Every structure is written in structure tokens, then in C-alpha cells.
Amino acid sequence: MRDKLVMAGISAALMAAPALAQAAPPAAAGPSLITQLLFFLPLILIFYFLLIRPQQQRAKKHAEMVANIKRGDTIVTSGGLIGKVNKVNDAELSVDLAENVRVRIIKAMVIEVRNKAEPVPAND
């Protein structure tokens, strides 16, 4: 009896093998290159106008601000120090923080320039 079951299983497996070996139907072709580009183009434009362009404008405005620092300007550094510019070099500033306290800082670390002519905002 057992031999008959084994033989039946083997014969069923041999008969099923040609059915499994048949080629699958061809898969549907993916979207064309133009369709993919049309999908990603608006995404790229959104990233440009919302992220890249504003960052470039901020960097340009900061570089202009740093280039226009002159002696006597009051500045704020990225570390939060507020001082008056004493001397301006190519890449460094000499800043008076308090009486008899003078430090040298890198120009790029300036985040705000408060000129003498600008009014100070009220603390209301």
C-alpha cells in the first residue's frame, strides 16, 4: 500500500513539473522615461523654490552683511556675544565686549550687525 502511495506521489509530481516549468505571461511594462520625468519634475521644482533658493538668498545676504562691517558697528556673534567692532581685517574682527576686554572673532560668526544709526527696539 505504501509503495502505491509513493508511486502515485512521484507520478503526480512528474506530471505537474511541465505545468510549473511553463513560462509566465510577460509582465506589464513599467512607466516610460517621459512619464517618470513628468512625475519628478514638479517635485524637483518644489524643492528648489522651497529649500534651495531661499537658502542661497540667505547666504548671499549674510555674505554682503559681513563684507560691509566697519569699525564702530555693534555686532552679535553666533555665540550670543554683543560687542563693538574695533578693527576689521580680511577674515577677522577685533571686538570690544566690555571695558578692557577685546576678542578676535572670525567674520563668518557674525549673525547680526546693529549700526549706531539704527534705533534700538523697545522691550514692551
Protein backbone atom coordinates (compact mmCIF):
# COMPACT_ATOMS: atom_id res chain seq x y z
CA MET A 1 0.00 0.00 0.00
CA ARG A 2 2.79 2.33 0.93
CA ASP A 3 4.58 1.65 -2.34
CA LYS A 4 1.44 2.56 -4.27
CA LEU A 5 1.16 5.90 -2.46
CA VAL A 6 4.80 6.69 -3.12
CA MET A 7 4.42 5.82 -6.79
CA ALA A 8 1.26 7.90 -7.05
CA GLY A 9 3.03 10.88 -5.48
CA ILE A 10 6.01 10.55 -7.79
CA SER A 11 3.83 10.27 -10.88
CA ALA A 12 1.76 13.31 -9.79
CA ALA A 13 4.96 15.30 -9.28
CA LEU A 14 6.27 14.33 -12.69
CA MET A 15 3.02 15.32 -14.37
CA ALA A 16 2.96 18.70 -12.57
CA ALA A 17 6.56 19.55 -13.47
CA PRO A 18 5.81 20.53 -17.09
CA ALA A 19 2.98 22.76 -15.90
CA LEU A 20 5.28 24.55 -13.44
CA ALA A 21 8.06 24.92 -15.99
CA GLN A 22 5.91 26.85 -18.45
CA ALA A 23 6.88 30.45 -18.96
CA ALA A 24 4.96 33.03 -17.02
CA PRO A 25 2.96 35.55 -19.00
CA PRO A 26 5.01 38.66 -19.79
CA ALA A 27 4.83 41.32 -17.09
CA ALA A 28 3.28 44.66 -17.86
CA ALA A 29 5.86 47.23 -18.95
CA GLY A 30 6.71 49.94 -16.40
CA PRO A 31 6.05 53.62 -16.98
CA SER A 32 8.09 55.24 -19.71
CA LEU A 33 11.00 57.56 -19.05
CA ILE A 34 8.97 60.63 -20.01
CA THR A 35 6.25 59.70 -17.52
CA GLN A 36 8.80 59.30 -14.76
CA LEU A 37 10.38 62.66 -15.58
CA LEU A 38 6.99 64.35 -15.61
CA PHE A 39 6.37 62.93 -12.13
CA PHE A 40 9.71 64.07 -10.65
CA LEU A 41 9.98 67.47 -12.36
CA PRO A 42 7.36 69.19 -10.14
CA LEU A 43 8.97 67.57 -7.09
CA ILE A 44 12.37 68.96 -8.06
CA LEU A 45 10.89 72.42 -8.67
CA ILE A 46 9.17 72.40 -5.28
CA PHE A 47 12.46 71.50 -3.55
CA TYR A 48 14.26 74.24 -5.46
CA PHE A 49 11.79 77.02 -4.65
CA LEU A 50 11.09 76.00 -1.04
CA LEU A 51 14.55 74.87 0.13
CA ILE A 52 17.48 75.61 -2.15
CA ARG A 53 16.68 79.13 -3.43
CA PRO A 54 15.81 80.67 -0.03
CA GLN A 55 18.99 79.21 1.47
CA GLN A 56 21.08 80.72 -1.34
CA GLN A 57 19.45 84.11 -0.81
CA ARG A 58 20.12 83.98 2.95
CA ALA A 59 23.76 83.04 2.32
CA LYS A 60 24.16 85.90 -0.17
CA LYS A 61 22.59 88.40 2.24
CA HIS A 62 24.84 87.19 5.09
CA ALA A 63 27.98 87.45 2.94
CA GLU A 64 27.00 91.01 1.97
CA MET A 65 26.35 91.93 5.61
CA VAL A 66 29.72 90.53 6.73
CA ALA A 67 31.54 92.32 3.91
CA ASN A 68 30.02 95.67 4.97
CA ILE A 69 31.09 95.51 8.64
CA LYS A 70 33.06 98.60 9.60
CA ARG A 71 34.72 99.99 12.69
CA GLY A 72 32.22 101.22 15.26
CA ASP A 73 29.42 98.79 14.33
CA THR A 74 27.75 96.86 17.10
CA ILE A 75 27.58 93.16 16.24
CA VAL A 76 26.06 89.98 17.62
CA THR A 77 28.02 86.75 17.23
CA SER A 78 26.64 83.24 16.79
CA GLY A 79 27.69 82.56 20.38
CA GLY A 80 25.48 85.39 21.63
CA LEU A 81 28.21 87.90 22.40
CA ILE A 82 27.43 91.54 21.70
CA GLY A 83 30.28 93.95 21.12
CA LYS A 84 31.60 96.92 19.22
CA VAL A 85 33.97 96.40 16.29
CA ASN A 86 37.40 97.88 16.96
CA LYS A 87 39.40 96.63 13.98
CA VAL A 88 38.45 94.90 10.72
CA ASN A 89 40.83 92.52 8.90
CA ASP A 90 40.23 90.24 5.92
CA ALA A 91 38.89 87.26 7.86
CA GLU A 92 38.84 88.51 11.46
CA LEU A 93 37.36 91.24 13.60
CA SER A 94 38.67 92.71 16.81
CA VAL A 95 35.66 93.31 19.05
CA ASP A 96 35.38 95.18 22.35
CA LEU A 97 32.99 93.26 24.60
CA ALA A 98 33.45 95.34 27.73
CA GLU A 99 35.93 97.79 29.17
CA ASN A 100 39.44 96.36 28.66
CA VAL A 101 38.01 93.16 27.12
CA ARG A 102 38.93 92.72 23.47
CA VAL A 103 38.47 89.49 21.50
CA ARG A 104 39.23 88.40 17.95
CA ILE A 105 36.46 86.60 16.10
CA ILE A 106 36.03 85.19 12.62
CA LYS A 107 33.86 87.38 10.39
CA ALA A 108 31.58 84.48 9.38
CA MET A 109 30.47 84.04 13.00
CA VAL A 110 28.63 87.38 12.97
CA ILE A 111 24.88 86.86 12.71
CA GLU A 112 23.66 90.43 13.10
CA VAL A 113 25.04 93.92 12.65
CA ARG A 114 23.47 96.71 14.68
CA ASN A 115 24.73 100.05 13.38
CA LYS A 116 24.90 103.19 15.54
CA ALA A 117 22.28 104.94 13.42
CA GLU A 118 19.63 102.22 13.83
CA PRO A 119 17.19 102.66 16.71
CA VAL A 120 17.13 100.00 19.39
CA PRO A 121 13.75 98.19 19.61
CA ALA A 122 11.76 98.75 22.78
CA ASN A 123 11.24 95.97 25.34
CA ASP A 124 7.47 96.39 25.52
